[in-house]
Amino acid sequence: MDKKVYDFVIIGGAQAGLAMAYHLKKLQKEFIILDGEQEIGASWLNRWDSLKLFTPTEYNHLPGLPFEAPKGHYPSKYEVANYFKTYVETFEFPIQLNTLVTAVHKEDNHFVITFADGQILANQVIVATGPFHTPYTPPCHKKIAKDVLQMHSNYYKGLHQLQSGDALVVGGGDSGYQILKELSEGGSRTVYFSGDTTVKSLPQQLLGKTLWWWFTKLGLLSVSKYSWLGKKISKTVQPVIGTDVKEILSRENVIAVGRTKDASGNELIFEKNKIHTIKNIVWATGYRPDFNWIEGLELDTDQYPKNYRGVSNLKGLYFIGLPWMYTRASATLGGVAKDAKYLADYIAKES
């Protein structure tokens, strides 16, 4: 083990980790970013090919370097990844790729960060692994016949992955509806949908302004989760943004089947009926957080770390990029900047 002790180790090299790296460099801290992927921006490149951000360019800036794209443009995953690469090159951040951290524990007055090829020591640690950890698939997927192609939305890239025959999309969030839209375009295959059909959808433009302009103007992105309004918003079902839910559900080849209840071989059992013809399933059923690799960490009822604006119960251990860490925007590309600035100011005061 290298006996060198860094001031900080940042775990995770996507937007949250990069925003913190910017501030740590300004504070003249000695740090290194550890990331388990093979390249910068991989967390975005691994998503489906047609993915675009819900937020236009002007709301996607990380601190210190504008996102170079026209105002009102909704960037693709490739543009986001390239922005991250440019960001790292511009500020010359030290980053170690192919380094999946498997454990963090405190020993004496420093942290020991463990990965496959060794360990690194740090006085303080910033965990920037984001909200998407372990893809969740309902247990009934194990009862489905082997000739049915199944994949979580985390691994879905495009139509070329699917085999011939009917398809099923499970999950009524943004990802579920975007994938349902793609699978059902052209009407060439029947696509069953198991998810919330009552969810509201919001257009990306409203009265000549972007939806995010309205959110910012009304202060909805800056509402604290500790406020009455923040508590209410954080507990309600979030609307689908930029995807016309009613139009998709009205397509002749889209059939809503209610909640997925069970499966047996080629028979899938739903609230409304039983179907035997499905050959492809995309599970857009979300993720489960996993912070069990951090020793001594207190978790809340949703299994996220207990913290106040990123400051955890363990002295010297911080978090950034968690959903609703402080506001609705905390886990977004543009919203992480404010949380990073707060955390940097806190660290500067503690130094």
Protein backbone atom coordinates (compact mmCIF):
# COMPACT_ATOMS: atom_id res chain seq x y z
CA MET A 1 0.00 0.00 0.00
CA ASP A 2 1.19 3.47 -0.93
CA LYS A 3 1.81 5.25 2.39
CA LYS A 4 1.15 8.65 0.84
CA VAL A 5 -1.85 10.35 2.46
CA TYR A 6 -3.91 12.60 0.19
CA ASP A 7 -5.83 15.54 1.56
CA PHE A 8 -8.89 14.21 -0.26
CA VAL A 9 -9.97 11.24 -2.32
CA ILE A 10 -13.03 11.78 -4.54
CA ILE A 11 -14.87 8.54 -5.35
CA GLY A 12 -16.71 8.96 -8.67
CA GLY A 13 -15.70 10.90 -11.76
CA ALA A 14 -19.03 12.12 -13.16
CA GLN A 15 -20.58 15.57 -12.66
CA ALA A 16 -20.65 15.52 -8.86
CA GLY A 17 -17.04 14.40 -8.50
CA LEU A 18 -15.81 16.85 -11.13
CA ALA A 19 -17.62 19.79 -9.51
CA MET A 20 -15.93 18.99 -6.19
CA ALA A 21 -12.56 18.56 -7.89
CA TYR A 22 -12.86 22.09 -9.27
CA HIS A 23 -13.33 23.53 -5.79
CA LEU A 24 -10.66 21.39 -4.15
CA LYS A 25 -8.16 22.58 -6.73
CA LYS A 26 -9.10 26.21 -5.96
CA LEU A 27 -8.54 25.42 -2.29
CA GLN A 28 -5.11 24.00 -3.23
CA LYS A 29 -5.89 20.60 -1.75
CA GLU A 30 -3.97 17.53 -2.84
CA PHE A 31 -6.53 15.05 -4.16
CA ILE A 32 -7.19 12.26 -6.62
CA ILE A 33 -10.40 11.12 -8.32
CA LEU A 34 -11.05 7.37 -8.39
CA ASP A 35 -13.53 6.02 -10.93
CA GLY A 36 -14.46 2.45 -11.76
CA GLU A 37 -15.11 3.04 -15.46
CA GLN A 38 -12.68 2.77 -18.37
CA GLU A 39 -13.14 6.33 -19.59
CA ILE A 40 -14.36 9.71 -18.43
CA GLY A 41 -18.08 10.14 -19.14
CA ALA A 42 -18.79 6.41 -19.20
CA SER A 43 -21.68 6.77 -16.75
CA TRP A 44 -23.49 8.63 -19.54
CA LEU A 45 -22.14 6.68 -22.50
CA ASN A 46 -23.44 3.44 -20.98
CA ARG A 47 -27.05 4.63 -21.32
CA TRP A 48 -29.30 4.12 -24.33
CA ASP A 49 -28.18 5.63 -27.62
CA SER A 50 -31.02 8.11 -28.15
CA LEU A 51 -30.82 9.60 -24.64
CA LYS A 52 -30.94 13.38 -24.38
CA LEU A 53 -30.86 15.55 -21.29
CA PHE A 54 -34.14 16.94 -19.99
CA THR A 55 -32.37 20.25 -19.32
CA PRO A 56 -31.20 22.69 -22.02
CA THR A 57 -27.60 23.85 -22.31
CA GLU A 58 -27.93 26.93 -20.11
CA TYR A 59 -28.76 24.73 -17.09
CA ASN A 60 -25.95 22.21 -17.55
CA HIS A 61 -22.83 24.17 -16.63
CA LEU A 62 -20.33 22.81 -14.14
CA PRO A 63 -18.38 25.44 -12.18
CA GLY A 64 -15.69 27.28 -14.08
CA LEU A 65 -16.40 26.01 -17.61
CA PRO A 66 -19.55 26.61 -19.69
CA PHE A 67 -21.18 23.75 -21.58
CA GLU A 68 -20.41 24.73 -25.17
CA ALA A 69 -23.71 24.34 -27.03
CA PRO A 70 -26.43 26.71 -28.25
CA LYS A 71 -28.92 28.03 -25.73
CA GLY A 72 -32.06 25.90 -25.73
CA HIS A 73 -30.21 22.82 -27.03
CA TYR A 74 -30.84 19.49 -25.26
CA PRO A 75 -27.48 17.66 -25.27
CA SER A 76 -27.05 14.00 -26.13
CA LYS A 77 -25.19 11.57 -23.91
CA TYR A 78 -22.16 11.88 -26.23
CA GLU A 79 -22.06 15.65 -25.79
CA VAL A 80 -22.22 15.28 -22.01
CA ALA A 81 -19.37 12.76 -22.02
CA ASN A 82 -17.25 15.02 -24.23
CA TYR A 83 -17.94 17.94 -21.90
CA PHE A 84 -16.65 15.89 -18.97
CA LYS A 85 -13.50 14.97 -20.91
CA THR A 86 -12.90 18.63 -21.77
CA TYR A 87 -13.51 19.60 -18.15
CA VAL A 88 -10.90 17.15 -16.84
CA GLU A 89 -8.36 18.22 -19.48
CA THR A 90 -8.96 21.94 -18.91
CA PHE A 91 -8.35 21.80 -15.17
CA GLU A 92 -5.85 18.92 -15.33
CA PHE A 93 -7.52 16.89 -12.61
CA PRO A 94 -5.65 13.81 -11.36
CA ILE A 95 -7.96 10.89 -12.12
CA GLN A 96 -7.40 7.14 -11.83
CA LEU A 97 -9.76 5.09 -14.00
CA ASN A 98 -10.54 1.35 -13.81
CA THR A 99 -10.52 1.70 -10.04
CA LEU A 100 -13.72 0.42 -8.46
CA VAL A 101 -13.69 1.21 -4.76
CA THR A 102 -14.93 -1.74 -2.69
CA ALA A 103 -14.48 -0.48 0.85
CA VAL A 104 -13.85 2.64 2.91
CA HIS A 105 -13.03 2.60 6.59
CA LYS A 106 -11.46 4.97 9.06
CA GLU A 107 -8.18 4.00 10.69
CA ASP A 108 -6.61 6.28 13.27
CA ASN A 109 -6.93 9.79 11.80
CA HIS A 110 -7.30 8.90 8.13
CA PHE A 111 -9.46 6.89 5.74
CA VAL A 112 -8.39 3.71 3.97
CA ILE A 113 -9.93 3.41 0.50
CA THR A 114 -9.74 -0.14 -0.85
CA PHE A 115 -10.00 -1.36 -4.45
CA ALA A 116 -8.96 -4.47 -6.38
CA ASP A 117 -5.32 -3.49 -6.90
CA GLY A 118 -4.61 -1.91 -3.56
CA GLN A 119 -5.45 0.89 -1.18
CA ILE A 120 -5.13 4.66 -0.96
CA LEU A 121 -5.01 6.76 2.20
CA ALA A 122 -6.75 10.10 2.64
CA ASN A 123 -7.48 12.52 5.43
CA GLN A 124 -10.93 13.14 3.98
CA VAL A 125 -13.19 11.45 1.42
CA ILE A 126 -15.91 12.76 -0.88
CA VAL A 127 -18.30 10.10 -2.20
CA ALA A 128 -19.68 11.19 -5.57
CA THR A 129 -21.06 7.89 -6.87
CA GLY A 130 -24.50 9.35 -7.64
CA PRO A 131 -27.94 7.84 -7.03
CA PHE A 132 -27.82 4.94 -9.51
CA HIS A 133 -26.03 1.94 -8.01
CA THR A 134 -27.66 -1.48 -8.28
CA PRO A 135 -30.19 -2.00 -11.10
CA TYR A 136 -33.39 -3.40 -9.57
CA THR A 137 -35.42 -6.10 -11.31
CA PRO A 138 -38.50 -7.66 -9.65
CA PRO A 139 -37.96 -11.24 -8.39
CA CYS A 140 -40.50 -12.68 -10.86
CA HIS A 141 -37.99 -12.16 -13.67
CA LYS A 142 -36.35 -15.43 -12.60
CA LYS A 143 -39.54 -17.33 -13.47
CA ILE A 144 -39.59 -16.19 -17.09
CA ALA A 145 -38.61 -18.57 -19.91
CA LYS A 146 -35.02 -18.44 -21.18
CA ASP A 147 -36.13 -17.62 -24.75
CA VAL A 148 -37.51 -14.27 -23.57
CA LEU A 149 -34.87 -11.53 -23.85
CA GLN A 150 -34.71 -9.55 -20.62
CA MET A 151 -32.61 -6.49 -19.79
CA HIS A 152 -32.66 -3.67 -17.30
CA SER A 153 -32.88 -0.16 -18.78
CA ASN A 154 -29.32 0.32 -17.49
CA TYR A 155 -28.17 -2.03 -20.28
CA TYR A 156 -30.61 -0.99 -22.99
CA LYS A 157 -28.90 0.73 -25.94
CA GLY A 158 -31.40 0.57 -28.78
CA LEU A 159 -33.81 -1.44 -30.92
CA HIS A 160 -30.96 -3.44 -32.46
CA GLN A 161 -30.67 -5.42 -29.21
CA LEU A 162 -34.20 -6.81 -29.41
CA GLN A 163 -35.29 -10.02 -31.06
CA SER A 164 -38.39 -10.33 -33.24
CA GLY A 165 -41.75 -10.37 -31.50
CA ASP A 166 -43.76 -8.46 -28.94
CA ALA A 167 -42.08 -6.38 -26.25
CA LEU A 168 -42.84 -5.29 -22.71
CA VAL A 169 -41.64 -2.18 -20.90
CA VAL A 170 -41.99 -2.20 -17.11
CA GLY A 171 -41.68 1.11 -15.25
CA GLY A 172 -43.48 4.44 -15.58
CA GLY A 173 -40.74 6.99 -14.97
CA ASP A 174 -38.81 9.10 -17.47
CA SER A 175 -36.69 6.15 -18.64
CA GLY A 176 -39.68 3.83 -18.98
CA TYR A 177 -41.66 6.23 -21.12
CA GLN A 178 -38.69 7.22 -23.28
CA ILE A 179 -37.94 3.58 -24.03
CA LEU A 180 -41.64 2.80 -24.57
CA LYS A 181 -41.76 5.63 -27.09
CA GLU A 182 -38.76 4.26 -28.98
CA LEU A 183 -39.93 0.64 -29.00
CA SER A 184 -43.42 1.52 -30.24
CA GLU A 185 -42.51 3.96 -33.01
CA GLY A 186 -43.54 2.82 -36.47
CA GLY A 187 -46.12 0.39 -35.14
CA SER A 188 -44.21 -2.66 -36.34
CA ARG A 189 -44.48 -4.54 -33.05
CA THR A 190 -46.93 -4.73 -30.17
CA VAL A 191 -45.49 -3.19 -27.03
CA TYR A 192 -47.10 -3.88 -23.67
CA PHE A 193 -46.65 -1.38 -20.88
CA SER A 194 -46.66 -2.14 -17.17
CA GLY A 195 -46.47 1.11 -15.25
CA ASP A 196 -48.27 4.17 -14.01
CA THR A 197 -50.58 5.47 -16.76
CA THR A 198 -51.80 8.37 -14.61
CA VAL A 199 -48.42 10.07 -14.34
CA LYS A 200 -48.38 13.67 -15.53
CA SER A 201 -46.13 14.80 -18.35
CA LEU A 202 -44.72 18.27 -18.89
CA PRO A 203 -43.47 19.73 -22.19
CA GLN A 204 -39.95 21.05 -22.50
CA GLN A 205 -41.31 24.38 -23.74
CA LEU A 206 -44.13 26.41 -22.17
CA LEU A 207 -45.30 29.82 -23.43
CA GLY A 208 -42.06 30.33 -25.34
CA LYS A 209 -39.80 29.51 -22.41
CA THR A 210 -38.11 26.28 -21.42
CA LEU A 211 -39.68 24.34 -18.58
CA TRP A 212 -36.47 24.82 -16.58
CA TRP A 213 -36.77 28.59 -17.01
CA TRP A 214 -40.18 28.36 -15.33
CA PHE A 215 -38.86 26.04 -12.60
CA THR A 216 -36.06 28.52 -11.87
CA LYS A 217 -38.36 31.56 -12.04
CA LEU A 218 -40.81 29.96 -9.61
CA GLY A 219 -37.99 28.82 -7.32
CA LEU A 220 -38.96 25.14 -7.57
CA LEU A 221 -35.39 23.99 -8.15
CA SER A 222 -34.06 25.80 -5.10
CA VAL A 223 -36.69 24.72 -2.57
CA SER A 224 -34.99 23.06 0.40
CA LYS A 225 -36.08 19.52 1.18
CA TYR A 226 -36.45 20.62 4.80
CA SER A 227 -39.13 23.20 3.95
CA TRP A 228 -42.86 22.41 3.90
CA LEU A 229 -42.99 22.70 0.11
CA GLY A 230 -39.80 20.70 -0.35
CA LYS A 231 -41.13 17.85 1.79
CA LYS A 232 -44.34 17.80 -0.23
CA ILE A 233 -42.64 17.87 -3.65
CA SER A 234 -40.05 15.23 -2.73
CA LYS A 235 -42.76 12.76 -1.70
CA THR A 236 -44.98 13.18 -4.77
CA VAL A 237 -44.67 11.26 -8.05
CA GLN A 238 -42.45 13.31 -10.32
CA PRO A 239 -43.85 14.22 -13.77
CA VAL A 240 -42.33 12.84 -16.96
CA ILE A 241 -40.53 15.69 -18.73
CA GLY A 242 -40.37 16.18 -22.49
CA THR A 243 -42.20 12.95 -23.37
CA ASP A 244 -45.88 13.06 -24.33
CA VAL A 245 -47.30 10.29 -22.16
CA LYS A 246 -50.86 10.53 -23.52
CA GLU A 247 -49.70 10.34 -27.13
CA ILE A 248 -47.58 7.27 -26.48
CA LEU A 249 -50.32 5.45 -24.57
CA SER A 250 -52.79 6.23 -27.36
CA ARG A 251 -50.75 4.41 -30.01
CA GLU A 252 -52.57 1.41 -31.46
CA ASN A 253 -49.64 -0.91 -30.83
CA VAL A 254 -49.20 0.14 -27.16
CA ILE A 255 -51.25 -1.85 -24.66
CA ALA A 256 -51.27 -0.94 -20.95
CA VAL A 257 -51.57 -4.05 -18.79
CA GLY A 258 -51.34 -2.69 -15.25
CA ARG A 259 -48.94 -3.88 -12.58
CA THR A 260 -46.74 -6.92 -13.24
CA LYS A 261 -47.81 -9.54 -10.70
CA ASP A 262 -46.05 -12.80 -11.58
CA ALA A 263 -44.64 -14.99 -14.33
CA SER A 264 -44.38 -18.66 -15.29
CA GLY A 265 -42.39 -19.62 -18.35
CA ASN A 266 -43.81 -17.71 -21.30
CA GLU A 267 -46.87 -16.58 -19.36
CA LEU A 268 -46.65 -13.13 -17.81
CA ILE A 269 -49.38 -12.24 -15.36
CA PHE A 270 -50.57 -8.65 -15.05
CA GLU A 271 -53.38 -6.89 -13.25
CA LYS A 272 -55.48 -6.79 -16.40
CA ASN A 273 -54.65 -10.03 -18.19
CA LYS A 274 -52.19 -12.82 -18.94
CA ILE A 275 -49.95 -12.69 -22.01
CA HIS A 276 -47.94 -15.46 -23.70
CA THR A 277 -46.46 -13.68 -26.73
CA ILE A 278 -43.85 -11.39 -25.18
CA LYS A 279 -40.32 -11.99 -26.49
CA ASN A 280 -38.53 -8.92 -25.13
CA ILE A 281 -38.66 -7.20 -21.74
CA VAL A 282 -37.02 -3.94 -20.70
CA TRP A 283 -37.15 -3.46 -16.95
CA ALA A 284 -37.12 0.31 -16.34
CA THR A 285 -37.62 -0.41 -12.66
CA GLY A 286 -35.00 1.85 -11.16
CA TYR A 287 -32.07 1.28 -8.87
CA ARG A 288 -31.33 0.52 -5.26
CA PRO A 289 -28.68 2.51 -3.39
CA ASP A 290 -25.68 0.61 -2.05
CA PHE A 291 -23.46 2.26 0.55
CA ASN A 292 -22.70 -0.87 2.57
CA TRP A 293 -19.05 -0.66 1.52
CA ILE A 294 -18.55 2.36 3.81
CA GLU A 295 -17.88 1.27 7.37
CA GLY A 296 -19.65 3.08 10.19
CA LEU A 297 -22.04 5.02 7.96
CA GLU A 298 -25.57 5.76 9.17
CA LEU A 299 -28.30 5.24 6.56
CA ASP A 300 -31.83 6.64 6.43
CA THR A 301 -35.03 4.67 5.76
CA ASP A 302 -34.39 4.88 1.99
CA GLN A 303 -30.88 3.45 2.50
CA TYR A 304 -29.16 6.72 1.62
CA PRO A 305 -26.48 8.20 3.92
CA LYS A 306 -27.72 10.42 6.70
CA ASN A 307 -26.23 13.84 6.04
CA TYR A 308 -26.86 17.54 6.06
CA ARG A 309 -25.99 19.07 2.71
CA GLY A 310 -23.37 16.39 2.17
CA VAL A 311 -21.81 16.36 5.63
CA SER A 312 -22.15 12.85 7.06
CA ASN A 313 -22.03 11.45 10.58
CA LEU A 314 -18.38 10.44 10.04
CA LYS A 315 -16.01 13.37 10.42
CA GLY A 316 -14.15 13.93 7.16
CA LEU A 317 -16.58 11.93 5.01
CA TYR A 318 -18.78 13.88 2.59
CA PHE A 319 -21.37 13.16 -0.11
CA ILE A 320 -22.34 14.97 -3.27
CA GLY A 321 -24.84 14.24 -6.06
CA LEU A 322 -27.48 12.41 -4.01
CA PRO A 323 -31.15 12.82 -4.99
CA TRP A 324 -32.76 15.60 -2.97
CA MET A 325 -29.55 16.03 -0.99
CA TYR A 326 -30.74 19.58 -0.41
CA THR A 327 -32.98 20.55 -3.36
CA ARG A 328 -34.69 18.86 -6.27
CA ALA A 329 -31.73 19.82 -8.48
CA SER A 330 -29.09 18.18 -6.26
CA ALA A 331 -28.61 15.13 -8.49
CA THR A 332 -28.76 16.97 -11.83
CA LEU A 333 -25.87 18.06 -14.02
CA GLY A 334 -26.52 21.76 -13.54
CA GLY A 335 -27.86 21.58 -10.00
CA VAL A 336 -24.84 19.89 -8.45
CA ALA A 337 -22.80 23.10 -8.70
CA LYS A 338 -24.61 24.83 -5.82
CA ASP A 339 -24.18 21.84 -3.52
CA ALA A 340 -20.50 21.61 -4.45
CA LYS A 341 -19.99 25.29 -3.60
CA TYR A 342 -21.67 24.87 -0.21
CA LEU A 343 -19.58 21.80 0.59
CA ALA A 344 -16.38 23.52 -0.53
CA ASP A 345 -17.13 26.50 1.71
CA TYR A 346 -17.78 24.12 4.61
CA ILE A 347 -14.49 22.32 3.99
CA ALA A 348 -12.61 25.62 3.79
CA LYS A 349 -13.99 26.69 7.17
CA GLU A 350 -13.05 23.34 8.71
CA SER A 351 -9.49 23.45 7.36
